[in-house]
Protein backbone atom coordinates (compact mmCIF):
# COMPACT_ATOMS: atom_id res chain seq x y z
CA MET A 1 -2.16 11.37 -4.72
CA GLY A 2 0.72 9.08 -3.79
CA ASN A 3 2.58 6.53 -5.86
CA ILE A 4 0.27 5.92 -8.79
CA ASN A 5 1.85 3.13 -10.75
CA THR A 6 0.52 3.12 -14.27
CA LYS A 7 -2.27 3.92 -16.70
CA HIS A 8 -4.22 1.42 -18.77
CA LYS A 9 -5.02 1.53 -22.46
CA HIS A 10 -7.44 -1.33 -23.04
CA PHE A 11 -11.19 -0.75 -22.91
CA PHE A 12 -14.01 -3.18 -23.51
CA ASN A 13 -17.55 -1.79 -23.53
CA ALA A 14 -20.26 -4.33 -24.23
CA ASP A 15 -23.07 -2.87 -22.14
CA LYS A 16 -23.10 0.59 -23.66
CA ASN A 17 -26.78 0.49 -24.52
CA LYS A 18 -27.93 -1.01 -21.26
CA TYR A 19 -30.40 1.31 -19.51
CA ILE A 20 -30.34 1.54 -15.77
CA GLY A 21 -33.71 1.00 -14.15
CA HIS A 22 -34.82 1.88 -10.65
CA ASN A 23 -33.12 -1.14 -9.11
CA PHE A 24 -29.55 -0.89 -10.42
CA PHE A 25 -27.09 1.40 -8.67
CA TYR A 26 -23.53 2.43 -7.05
CA VAL A 27 -20.41 5.05 -6.83
CA LEU A 28 -17.51 7.06 -4.88
CA GLY A 29 -14.53 9.59 -5.24
CA ARG A 30 -11.83 12.19 -4.38
CA LEU A 31 -10.90 13.56 -0.93
CA LEU A 32 -7.16 14.21 -0.61
CA ARG A 33 -7.45 17.98 -0.94
CA GLN A 34 -10.03 18.25 1.82
CA ASP A 35 -7.85 16.01 3.97
CA ARG A 36 -5.00 18.49 3.63
CA ARG A 37 -7.27 21.44 4.40
CA VAL A 38 -8.47 19.83 7.62
CA TYR A 39 -4.94 18.89 8.63
CA LYS A 40 -3.81 22.47 8.09
CA ARG A 41 -6.60 23.78 10.30
CA ILE A 42 -5.63 21.42 13.09
CA LYS A 43 -1.96 22.42 12.82
CA ASN A 44 -3.04 26.05 13.03
CA LYS A 45 -4.66 25.19 16.38
CA GLN A 46 -8.15 26.13 15.28
CA ARG A 47 -9.35 23.25 17.42
CA THR A 48 -12.49 24.89 18.69
CA LYS A 49 -13.76 25.27 15.16
CA THR A 50 -12.52 21.99 13.74
CA LYS A 51 -12.80 19.51 16.61
CA ASN A 52 -15.78 17.83 14.92
CA ILE A 53 -14.14 17.63 11.51
CA HIS A 54 -12.35 14.35 10.85
CA ILE A 55 -10.82 12.39 8.03
CA TYR A 56 -12.88 9.63 6.43
CA SER A 57 -12.12 6.31 4.83
CA SER A 58 -12.37 7.79 1.35
CA MET A 59 -9.53 10.27 1.95
CA LEU A 60 -6.09 9.20 0.78
CA SER A 61 -3.92 11.33 3.06
CA GLN A 62 -0.29 10.53 3.70
CA LYS A 63 -0.21 12.92 6.67
CA TYR A 64 -3.31 12.64 8.81
CA LYS A 65 -5.02 9.25 8.80
CA LYS A 66 -7.79 9.34 11.38
CA HIS A 67 -11.37 8.51 10.62
CA THR A 68 -14.14 9.27 13.09
CA SER A 69 -17.53 7.76 12.49
CA LYS A 70 -20.23 7.33 15.09
CA GLY A 71 -17.98 7.83 18.07
CA PHE A 72 -14.66 6.12 17.21
CA ARG A 73 -11.57 6.88 15.20
CA GLU A 74 -9.96 4.79 12.51
CA TYR A 75 -6.16 4.75 12.08
CA ASN A 76 -3.45 3.20 9.92
CA GLN A 77 -5.62 3.40 6.82
CA HIS A 78 -4.31 1.48 3.84
CA TYR A 79 -5.61 1.28 0.28
CA ALA A 80 -5.18 -1.13 -2.62
CA ILE A 81 -7.46 0.34 -5.27
CA ILE A 82 -8.00 1.43 -8.80
CA LYS A 83 -9.48 4.89 -9.22
CA THR A 84 -10.70 7.27 -11.87
CA PHE A 85 -8.34 10.11 -12.71
CA GLU A 86 -8.37 13.29 -10.68
CA ASN A 87 -9.10 16.65 -12.26
CA THR A 88 -11.62 15.25 -14.70
CA THR A 89 -14.86 17.05 -15.46
CA LYS A 90 -16.75 13.80 -15.85
CA LYS A 91 -19.44 12.75 -13.42
CA TRP A 92 -20.67 9.27 -12.58
CA HIS A 93 -24.13 8.41 -11.29
CA GLY A 94 -23.40 5.02 -9.80
CA ALA A 95 -21.04 2.05 -9.58
CA GLN A 96 -21.30 -1.67 -9.02
CA GLY A 97 -19.36 -4.89 -8.74
CA LEU A 98 -19.45 -8.58 -7.89
CA PHE A 99 -17.68 -8.97 -4.53
CA ASP A 100 -15.78 -12.04 -3.40
CA ILE A 101 -16.84 -12.68 0.23
CA ASN A 102 -13.73 -13.20 2.33
CA LYS A 103 -13.16 -13.48 6.05
CA PRO A 104 -9.64 -12.20 6.72
CA ARG A 105 -8.36 -12.97 10.21
CA MET A 106 -9.04 -9.89 12.33
CA GLY A 107 -7.85 -8.98 15.78
CA GLN A 108 -9.56 -6.57 18.11
CA GLN A 109 -9.80 -2.98 16.84
CA GLN A 110 -9.11 -4.01 13.22
CA TYR A 111 -11.17 -3.79 10.02
CA SER A 112 -10.80 -4.87 6.41
CA LYS A 113 -13.09 -4.06 3.50
CA ALA A 114 -13.76 -4.94 -0.13
CA TRP A 115 -15.07 -1.53 -1.07
CA ILE A 116 -16.45 0.92 -3.63
CA TRP A 117 -16.36 4.67 -3.11
CA LEU A 118 -18.51 7.37 -4.77
CA ASN A 119 -17.28 10.85 -3.79
CA TYR A 120 -18.05 14.44 -4.66
CA ILE A 121 -16.40 17.58 -3.27
CA GLN A 122 -17.75 21.09 -3.57
CA GLY A 123 -15.68 23.71 -1.78
CA ASN A 124 -15.03 22.45 1.75
CA VAL A 125 -18.00 20.07 1.72
CA MET A 126 -17.77 16.44 0.75
CA SER A 127 -20.54 14.02 -0.15
CA SER A 128 -19.69 10.33 -0.25
CA ILE A 129 -21.39 6.96 -0.42
CA GLN A 130 -19.29 3.86 0.20
CA PHE A 131 -20.33 0.22 0.24
CA GLY A 132 -19.15 -3.35 0.07
CA VAL A 133 -18.27 -6.31 2.29
CA ALA A 134 -16.45 -5.56 5.54
CA VAL A 135 -15.11 -7.27 8.63
CA HIS A 136 -15.03 -4.60 11.35
CA THR A 137 -14.48 -5.81 14.90
CA ARG A 138 -15.01 -2.40 16.53
CA LEU A 139 -18.19 -1.60 14.62
CA TYR A 140 -19.83 -5.02 14.90
CA GLY A 141 -18.13 -6.67 17.86
CA ASP A 142 -17.17 -9.80 15.90
CA ASP A 143 -15.08 -10.90 12.92
CA ARG A 144 -17.86 -11.92 10.53
CA PRO A 145 -18.10 -10.41 7.01
CA ARG A 146 -21.12 -8.14 6.60
CA LEU A 147 -22.83 -5.93 4.07
CA THR A 148 -21.58 -2.49 5.10
CA THR A 149 -22.12 1.10 3.97
CA LEU A 150 -20.75 4.48 4.98
CA TRP A 151 -22.12 7.87 3.98
CA MET A 152 -21.19 11.52 4.28
CA ALA A 153 -23.23 14.60 3.42
CA GLU A 154 -23.22 18.35 3.99
CA LYS A 155 -25.04 17.93 7.31
CA GLN A 156 -23.06 14.84 8.34
CA GLN A 157 -19.41 15.59 7.64
CA ASN A 158 -18.28 13.17 10.35
CA GLY A 159 -19.52 10.24 8.28
CA CYS A 160 -21.81 7.47 9.45
CA TYR A 161 -21.92 3.72 9.02
CA ASN A 162 -25.09 2.03 7.80
CA ALA A 163 -28.24 3.52 9.41
CA LEU A 164 -26.64 4.58 12.69
CA CYS A 165 -27.30 8.30 12.15
CA PRO A 166 -30.60 10.09 11.42
CA GLY A 167 -31.20 11.97 8.20
CA GLY A 168 -29.29 9.62 5.93
CA TYR A 169 -29.77 6.05 4.80
CA VAL A 170 -33.36 4.79 4.56
CA GLN A 171 -33.96 1.02 4.85
CA VAL A 172 -36.53 -0.56 2.48
CA HIS A 173 -36.00 -4.32 2.23
CA LYS A 174 -37.36 -6.43 5.10
CA SER A 175 -34.53 -8.95 5.38
CA ILE A 176 -31.49 -7.58 3.49
CA TYR A 177 -29.84 -4.63 5.24
CA PRO A 178 -26.47 -2.98 5.99
CA GLY A 179 -24.92 -4.91 8.86
CA MET A 180 -26.29 -8.24 7.64
CA VAL A 181 -23.90 -11.18 8.06
CA TYR A 182 -22.70 -13.22 5.08
CA HIS A 183 -22.45 -16.74 6.52
CA LYS A 184 -20.95 -18.42 3.44
CA VAL A 185 -17.39 -17.26 2.77
CA SER A 186 -14.90 -18.02 0.03
CA VAL A 187 -12.08 -20.54 0.46
CA PRO A 188 -8.85 -19.76 -1.46
CA GLY A 189 -8.34 -22.55 -3.95
CA GLY A 190 -11.82 -23.90 -3.16
CA GLU A 191 -15.42 -22.73 -3.40
CA HIS A 192 -16.07 -19.00 -3.81
CA HIS A 193 -19.13 -17.10 -2.62
CA THR A 194 -20.00 -13.72 -4.09
CA VAL A 195 -22.54 -10.92 -3.80
CA HIS A 196 -23.43 -8.30 -6.41
CA LEU A 197 -23.82 -4.81 -4.93
CA SER A 198 -24.70 -1.56 -6.62
CA VAL A 199 -25.37 2.07 -5.72
CA ALA A 200 -26.73 4.48 -8.29
CA GLU A 201 -28.92 7.50 -8.72
CA ASP A 202 -32.50 6.64 -9.59
CA PRO A 203 -33.40 8.49 -12.84
CA VAL A 204 -36.89 9.37 -11.55
CA THR A 205 -36.59 10.06 -7.81
CA LYS A 206 -32.90 11.07 -7.93
CA ASN A 207 -32.37 9.10 -4.73
CA TRP A 208 -29.15 7.07 -4.49
CA VAL A 209 -30.31 3.46 -4.35
CA LEU A 210 -28.51 0.46 -2.84
CA THR A 211 -29.31 -2.85 -4.52
CA THR A 212 -28.16 -6.43 -4.57
CA GLY A 213 -28.92 -8.09 -7.89
CA THR A 214 -32.37 -6.72 -8.72
CA LYS A 215 -33.46 -6.27 -5.09
CA MET A 216 -33.65 -2.77 -3.67
CA ILE A 217 -32.16 -2.68 -0.15
CA GLY A 218 -32.54 1.01 0.69
CA TYR A 219 -31.58 4.50 -0.44
CA TRP A 220 -30.04 7.85 0.45
CA PRO A 221 -32.42 10.79 -0.19
CA ARG A 222 -31.78 13.01 -3.20
CA GLU A 223 -31.54 16.30 -1.30
CA THR A 224 -28.60 15.00 0.72
CA TYR A 225 -26.16 13.61 -1.83
CA MET A 226 -24.28 14.49 -4.99
CA ALA A 227 -26.88 16.32 -7.04
CA GLU A 228 -24.40 16.57 -9.92
CA GLY A 229 -23.09 13.02 -9.63
CA ALA A 230 -19.82 11.67 -8.21
CA SER A 231 -16.56 13.22 -9.34
CA GLU A 232 -14.50 10.09 -8.65
CA VAL A 233 -15.01 6.37 -8.29
CA TYR A 234 -12.70 3.96 -6.43
CA PHE A 235 -12.75 0.14 -6.41
CA GLY A 236 -10.64 -2.16 -4.23
CA GLY A 237 -9.50 -2.98 -0.72
CA PHE A 238 -9.27 -0.85 2.42
CA ALA A 239 -7.90 -1.87 5.81
CA GLY A 240 -6.96 -0.25 9.09
CA THR A 241 -7.42 -0.16 12.83
CA SER A 242 -9.64 1.52 15.40
CA MET A 243 -6.72 2.05 17.76
CA ALA A 244 -3.35 3.69 17.24
CA GLN A 245 -0.18 1.63 17.61
CA THR A 246 -1.95 -1.50 16.38
CA LEU A 247 -0.68 -3.82 13.65
CA SER A 248 -2.46 -3.43 10.32
CA PRO A 249 -4.76 -6.38 9.52
CA PRO A 250 -4.82 -8.70 6.50
CA MET A 251 -6.77 -7.56 3.45
CA GLY A 252 -8.75 -9.87 1.16
CA THR A 253 -7.48 -13.43 1.54
CA GLY A 254 -4.41 -12.18 3.38
CA ASP A 255 -2.21 -12.89 0.35
CA PHE A 256 -0.97 -10.54 -2.33
CA PRO A 257 -3.07 -10.47 -5.52
CA THR A 258 -2.37 -12.75 -8.47
CA LYS A 259 -4.04 -13.51 -11.77
CA ASP A 260 -5.36 -16.74 -10.26
CA LEU A 261 -8.92 -15.77 -9.32
CA THR A 262 -9.40 -19.07 -7.47
CA ARG A 263 -6.87 -17.94 -4.85
CA SER A 264 -7.06 -14.14 -4.85
CA SER A 265 -9.71 -11.82 -3.46
CA PHE A 266 -11.51 -10.05 -6.32
CA ILE A 267 -14.20 -7.67 -7.43
CA LYS A 268 -15.56 -8.65 -10.83
CA GLN A 269 -17.97 -6.98 -13.25
CA LEU A 270 -16.67 -3.49 -12.45
CA LYS A 271 -19.10 -0.97 -13.89
CA TYR A 272 -20.20 2.61 -13.45
CA VAL A 273 -23.26 4.58 -14.43
CA LEU A 274 -23.07 7.43 -16.94
CA PRO A 275 -25.10 10.67 -16.75
CA ASP A 276 -27.65 9.20 -19.19
CA TYR A 277 -28.08 6.26 -16.76
CA THR A 278 -26.52 3.65 -18.99
CA VAL A 279 -24.38 1.07 -17.18
CA VAL A 280 -20.98 0.43 -18.80
CA ASP A 281 -17.81 -1.48 -18.01
CA ILE A 282 -15.25 0.80 -16.41
CA ASN A 283 -12.99 2.47 -18.95
CA SER A 284 -9.42 1.26 -18.45
CA ASN A 285 -8.19 4.45 -20.17
CA GLU A 286 -9.63 6.45 -17.26
CA ILE A 287 -8.18 4.63 -14.24
CA GLU A 288 -4.93 4.32 -12.30
CA TYR A 289 -3.57 2.19 -9.47
CA TYR A 290 -3.08 3.33 -5.89
CA ALA A 291 -1.52 1.30 -3.07
CA ASN A 292 -0.07 3.39 -0.25
CA ASP A 293 2.16 0.58 1.06
CA PRO A 294 2.88 -2.12 -1.56
CA ASN A 295 4.92 -4.03 1.03
CA CYS A 296 1.71 -4.73 2.95
CA TYR A 297 -1.04 -4.63 0.30
CA ASN A 298 -1.37 -4.37 -3.45
CA VAL A 299 -3.88 -4.37 -6.30
CA MET A 300 -3.88 -5.91 -9.78
CA PHE A 301 -6.25 -4.84 -12.55
CA LEU A 302 -6.95 -7.71 -14.94
CA LYS A 303 -9.03 -5.68 -17.38
CA TYR A 304 -11.45 -7.80 -19.40
CA VAL A 305 -11.22 -11.41 -18.16
CA ASP A 306 -14.17 -13.12 -19.86
CA PHE A 307 -17.84 -12.54 -20.62
CA ASP A 308 -18.96 -13.34 -17.08
CA SER A 309 -16.16 -11.66 -15.11
CA ARG A 310 -15.82 -8.59 -17.36
CA GLU A 311 -13.44 -5.94 -15.97
CA THR A 312 -11.90 -7.42 -12.83
CA LEU A 313 -9.43 -6.50 -10.11
CA THR A 314 -7.73 -8.56 -7.41
CA PHE A 315 -6.34 -7.12 -4.21
CA GLY A 316 -5.01 -8.09 -0.81
CA GLY A 317 -2.03 -8.48 1.45
CA PRO A 318 -0.87 -9.68 4.85
CA GLY A 319 -0.72 -6.33 6.63
CA GLY A 320 1.61 -6.14 9.65
CA HIS A 321 4.00 -3.27 10.35
CA CYS A 322 2.88 -1.06 7.48
CA ARG A 323 4.22 2.32 6.40
CA LEU A 324 1.87 5.22 7.15
């Protein structure tokens, strides 16, 4: 999986008996093995069969880092995340967090995300729902932070942002939607602005529902996604470019993470949803770090901070000439 730094032993679980209703939800997972399979096919020159198969932002490949979604590739992909262990039999039915809204300085063809992944792989097919706050100059044409989602399913293995492709995400709310701009942004050392986002499986409809606070934004239909739940969940930062040979952008505030939450980009209240639809703090005994170039970006897991922040991580970095 790369250079996984350490494992954590502390676990605080105060919300164990909290039941998840129809308006609380979020999750994402593992893709390295599929990445390698696709790379092998391309090296074997099976291009006529694999030309529409690409690598997505949830895949942590050290070899082949191109992401195609709705007509453009993404390169130089860098991660600063915590993730659930691989090779576990556990399944998660959602994930959520309180996102710090940052506006890292982006150039053309660059993107930077505060992100949660919910992934499931069965054979050669991957299902994935990803969400968070992103600045993406190629996708949106500007450098403003926006609510952003990305989804993959059996019939959409190329991945798709927001509601750009048919047969996937269904919008419900009239004024809150993927692609919406967050006008108030955090200032390091000053005022912070946050948004709570969640994706989880509805216990009745089995749809995967996107919410902010208690407001339902939209959903992904049950027949398309992760009938058994997600096999992995990732939380953290993700940055890259939409053009090869381009400098990697800043992530978070543009500074490396510290314990000072007034100056570092963070995701607080890290939780996932169990198969019985209870929402619990993430288990620090079940996660590990991953940063594929610590000279450019890194992540720090603060575990339980206080009653309001709960399990918290900080992440970020300046980018630049980063190792692929």
